[in-house]
Amino acid sequence: MKILICEEEEVLLTAIEFRLQKNGFSVIRTNDAQQCVKHLQEDHPDMLIIDLDMSGISGLEMTDKLRKEMNSDIPIILLSDLEDGEELHKAFEFGANDFVTKPFKPVELVIRIKKLFMPMTA
């Protein structure tokens, strides 16, 4: 399974990449929103993990674009350091499958990823 991670914080990006690879996932990583779009179009990942607060295009905008313009049903997990109920509501309204508040343990993210894909493998 190929997962695209779009996260501006290099330390967090590296930690997520390490944990996902350790759990058998193939990882594409970027800290740039435009590269994120490029990877989505060229590499066709099975899942997107994106920071809500990316520069250039936010995680919400990316989710909206994927769902409406690209007609994609790729599972999306949004990451945010905000604990704002309104942002959480918007994330799901725009089509995100899950929302993880920073700080979090990368192992928690692995559990959420596996949970999202369980129905697909059952």
C-alpha atoms as a PDB file:
ATOM      1  CA  MET A   1       0.000   0.000   0.000  1.00  0.00           C
ATOM      2  CA  LYS A   2       1.374   3.386  -1.061  1.00  0.00           C
ATOM      3  CA  ILE A   3       0.774   6.377   1.238  1.00  0.00           C
ATOM      4  CA  LEU A   4       1.483  10.008   0.353  1.00  0.00           C
ATOM      5  CA  ILE A   5       2.418  12.206   3.324  1.00  0.00           C
ATOM      6  CA  CYS A   6       2.259  15.997   2.894  1.00  0.00           C
ATOM      7  CA  GLU A   7       3.583  17.647   6.046  1.00  0.00           C
ATOM      8  CA  GLU A   8       5.651  20.827   6.437  1.00  0.00           C
ATOM      9  CA  GLU A   9       7.264  19.915   9.779  1.00  0.00           C
ATOM     10  CA  GLU A  10      10.346  17.927   8.737  1.00  0.00           C
ATOM     11  CA  VAL A  11      10.780  16.140  12.084  1.00  0.00           C
ATOM     12  CA  LEU A  12       7.171  14.954  12.107  1.00  0.00           C
ATOM     13  CA  LEU A  13       7.344  14.016   8.422  1.00  0.00           C
ATOM     14  CA  THR A  14      10.407  11.856   9.070  1.00  0.00           C
ATOM     15  CA  ALA A  15       8.842  10.223  12.156  1.00  0.00           C
ATOM     16  CA  ILE A  16       5.662   9.351  10.256  1.00  0.00           C
ATOM     17  CA  GLU A  17       7.636   8.028   7.293  1.00  0.00           C
ATOM     18  CA  PHE A  18       9.789   5.835   9.563  1.00  0.00           C
ATOM     19  CA  ARG A  19       6.814   4.373  11.440  1.00  0.00           C
ATOM     20  CA  LEU A  20       4.814   3.668   8.268  1.00  0.00           C
ATOM     21  CA  GLN A  21       7.756   1.991   6.537  1.00  0.00           C
ATOM     22  CA  LYS A  22       8.407  -0.081   9.663  1.00  0.00           C
ATOM     23  CA  ASN A  23       4.799  -1.292   9.368  1.00  0.00           C
ATOM     24  CA  GLY A  24       5.207  -2.328   5.737  1.00  0.00           C
ATOM     25  CA  PHE A  25       3.769   0.695   3.939  1.00  0.00           C
ATOM     26  CA  SER A  26       5.371   2.271   0.886  1.00  0.00           C
ATOM     27  CA  VAL A  27       5.778   6.015   1.515  1.00  0.00           C
ATOM     28  CA  ILE A  28       5.972   9.061  -0.725  1.00  0.00           C
ATOM     29  CA  ARG A  29       6.787  12.194   1.252  1.00  0.00           C
ATOM     30  CA  THR A  30       6.819  15.908   0.602  1.00  0.00           C
ATOM     31  CA  ASN A  31       6.753  19.134   2.581  1.00  0.00           C
ATOM     32  CA  ASP A  32       5.481  21.172  -0.385  1.00  0.00           C
ATOM     33  CA  ALA A  33       1.804  21.538  -1.398  1.00  0.00           C
ATOM     34  CA  GLN A  34       2.512  21.746  -5.138  1.00  0.00           C
ATOM     35  CA  GLN A  35       4.613  18.581  -4.977  1.00  0.00           C
ATOM     36  CA  CYS A  36       1.741  16.955  -3.114  1.00  0.00           C
ATOM     37  CA  VAL A  37      -0.593  17.671  -6.048  1.00  0.00           C
ATOM     38  CA  LYS A  38       2.032  16.367  -8.485  1.00  0.00           C
ATOM     39  CA  HIS A  39       2.482  13.121  -6.532  1.00  0.00           C
ATOM     40  CA  LEU A  40      -1.285  12.620  -6.374  1.00  0.00           C
ATOM     41  CA  GLN A  41      -1.550  12.928 -10.148  1.00  0.00           C
ATOM     42  CA  GLU A  42       1.553  10.930 -11.075  1.00  0.00           C
ATOM     43  CA  ASP A  43       2.004   8.302  -8.356  1.00  0.00           C
ATOM     44  CA  HIS A  44      -1.648   7.431  -7.600  1.00  0.00           C
ATOM     45  CA  PRO A  45      -1.198   6.697  -3.880  1.00  0.00           C
ATOM     46  CA  ASP A  46      -3.690   4.560  -1.965  1.00  0.00           C
ATOM     47  CA  MET A  47      -4.005   7.131   0.837  1.00  0.00           C
ATOM     48  CA  LEU A  48      -3.199  10.771   1.575  1.00  0.00           C
ATOM     49  CA  ILE A  49      -2.062  12.106   4.938  1.00  0.00           C
ATOM     50  CA  ILE A  50      -1.943  15.897   4.802  1.00  0.00           C
ATOM     51  CA  ASP A  51      -1.344  18.756   7.206  1.00  0.00           C
ATOM     52  CA  LEU A  52      -4.359  21.020   7.520  1.00  0.00           C
ATOM     53  CA  ASP A  53      -2.092  24.082   7.499  1.00  0.00           C
ATOM     54  CA  MET A  54       0.079  23.468   4.402  1.00  0.00           C
ATOM     55  CA  SER A  55       1.383  26.610   2.700  1.00  0.00           C
ATOM     56  CA  GLY A  56       0.053  27.211  -0.780  1.00  0.00           C
ATOM     57  CA  ILE A  57      -2.976  24.945  -0.524  1.00  0.00           C
ATOM     58  CA  SER A  58      -4.428  23.873   2.796  1.00  0.00           C
ATOM     59  CA  GLY A  59      -5.370  20.334   3.680  1.00  0.00           C
ATOM     60  CA  LEU A  60      -9.032  21.345   3.517  1.00  0.00           C
ATOM     61  CA  GLU A  61      -8.613  22.836   0.045  1.00  0.00           C
ATOM     62  CA  MET A  62      -6.764  19.725  -1.109  1.00  0.00           C
ATOM     63  CA  THR A  63      -9.494  17.482   0.275  1.00  0.00           C
ATOM     64  CA  ASP A  64     -12.182  19.562  -1.421  1.00  0.00           C
ATOM     65  CA  LYS A  65     -10.258  19.528  -4.724  1.00  0.00           C
ATOM     66  CA  LEU A  66      -9.787  15.761  -4.600  1.00  0.00           C
ATOM     67  CA  ARG A  67     -13.427  15.071  -3.850  1.00  0.00           C
ATOM     68  CA  LYS A  68     -15.022  17.595  -6.218  1.00  0.00           C
ATOM     69  CA  GLU A  69     -12.618  18.337  -9.085  1.00  0.00           C
ATOM     70  CA  MET A  70     -10.692  15.074  -9.294  1.00  0.00           C
ATOM     71  CA  ASN A  71     -13.655  12.901  -8.246  1.00  0.00           C
ATOM     72  CA  SER A  72     -11.306  10.853  -6.072  1.00  0.00           C
ATOM     73  CA  ASP A  73     -12.347   8.598  -3.218  1.00  0.00           C
ATOM     74  CA  ILE A  74      -8.783   8.173  -1.891  1.00  0.00           C
ATOM     75  CA  PRO A  75      -8.827   7.904   1.916  1.00  0.00           C
ATOM     76  CA  ILE A  76      -7.622  11.164   3.503  1.00  0.00           C
ATOM     77  CA  ILE A  77      -6.347  11.766   7.023  1.00  0.00           C
ATOM     78  CA  LEU A  78      -5.903  15.416   7.994  1.00  0.00           C
ATOM     79  CA  LEU A  79      -3.327  16.437  10.611  1.00  0.00           C
ATOM     80  CA  SER A  80      -3.692  19.625  12.643  1.00  0.00           C
ATOM     81  CA  ASP A  81      -2.383  21.311  15.747  1.00  0.00           C
ATOM     82  CA  LEU A  82      -5.777  22.983  16.176  1.00  0.00           C
ATOM     83  CA  GLU A  83      -8.341  21.503  18.511  1.00  0.00           C
ATOM     84  CA  ASP A  84     -11.066  23.628  16.977  1.00  0.00           C
ATOM     85  CA  GLY A  85     -14.382  21.806  16.699  1.00  0.00           C
ATOM     86  CA  GLU A  86     -15.281  23.921  13.688  1.00  0.00           C
ATOM     87  CA  GLU A  87     -12.157  22.802  11.795  1.00  0.00           C
ATOM     88  CA  LEU A  88     -12.929  19.185  12.643  1.00  0.00           C
ATOM     89  CA  HIS A  89     -16.466  19.616  11.356  1.00  0.00           C
ATOM     90  CA  LYS A  90     -15.168  21.241   8.136  1.00  0.00           C
ATOM     91  CA  ALA A  91     -12.662  18.427   7.622  1.00  0.00           C
ATOM     92  CA  PHE A  92     -15.396  15.805   7.574  1.00  0.00           C
ATOM     93  CA  GLU A  93     -17.730  18.059   5.602  1.00  0.00           C
ATOM     94  CA  PHE A  94     -15.066  18.429   2.890  1.00  0.00           C
ATOM     95  CA  GLY A  95     -14.658  14.648   2.716  1.00  0.00           C
ATOM     96  CA  ALA A  96     -11.795  13.707   5.052  1.00  0.00           C
ATOM     97  CA  ASN A  97     -11.967  10.170   6.411  1.00  0.00           C
ATOM     98  CA  ASP A  98     -10.171  10.946   9.659  1.00  0.00           C
ATOM     99  CA  PHE A  99      -8.610  13.816  11.592  1.00  0.00           C
ATOM    100  CA  VAL A 100      -5.633  13.582  13.948  1.00  0.00           C
ATOM    101  CA  THR A 101      -4.718  16.373  16.357  1.00  0.00           C
ATOM    102  CA  LYS A 102      -1.025  17.122  16.928  1.00  0.00           C
ATOM    103  CA  PRO A 103       0.886  16.146  18.899  1.00  0.00           C
ATOM    104  CA  PHE A 104       0.249  12.448  18.384  1.00  0.00           C
ATOM    105  CA  LYS A 105       2.258   9.243  18.414  1.00  0.00           C
ATOM    106  CA  PRO A 106       3.003   7.855  14.939  1.00  0.00           C
ATOM    107  CA  VAL A 107       1.798   4.437  16.134  1.00  0.00           C
ATOM    108  CA  GLU A 108      -1.671   6.013  16.619  1.00  0.00           C
ATOM    109  CA  LEU A 109      -1.621   7.029  12.966  1.00  0.00           C
ATOM    110  CA  VAL A 110      -0.734   3.461  11.930  1.00  0.00           C
ATOM    111  CA  ILE A 111      -3.724   2.151  13.892  1.00  0.00           C
ATOM    112  CA  ARG A 112      -6.038   4.665  12.200  1.00  0.00           C
ATOM    113  CA  ILE A 113      -4.676   3.774   8.753  1.00  0.00           C
ATOM    114  CA  LYS A 114      -5.225   0.069   9.337  1.00  0.00           C
ATOM    115  CA  LYS A 115      -8.740   0.772  10.599  1.00  0.00           C
ATOM    116  CA  LEU A 116      -9.580   2.724   7.429  1.00  0.00           C
ATOM    117  CA  PHE A 117      -8.404  -0.127   5.225  1.00  0.00           C
ATOM    118  CA  MET A 118      -9.959  -2.993   7.213  1.00  0.00           C
ATOM    119  CA  PRO A 119     -13.283  -2.879   5.329  1.00  0.00           C
ATOM    120  CA  MET A 120     -11.350  -2.975   2.026  1.00  0.00           C
ATOM    121  CA  THR A 121      -9.424  -6.111   2.982  1.00  0.00           C
ATOM    122  CA  ALA A 122     -12.244  -7.980   4.728  1.00  0.00           C
END
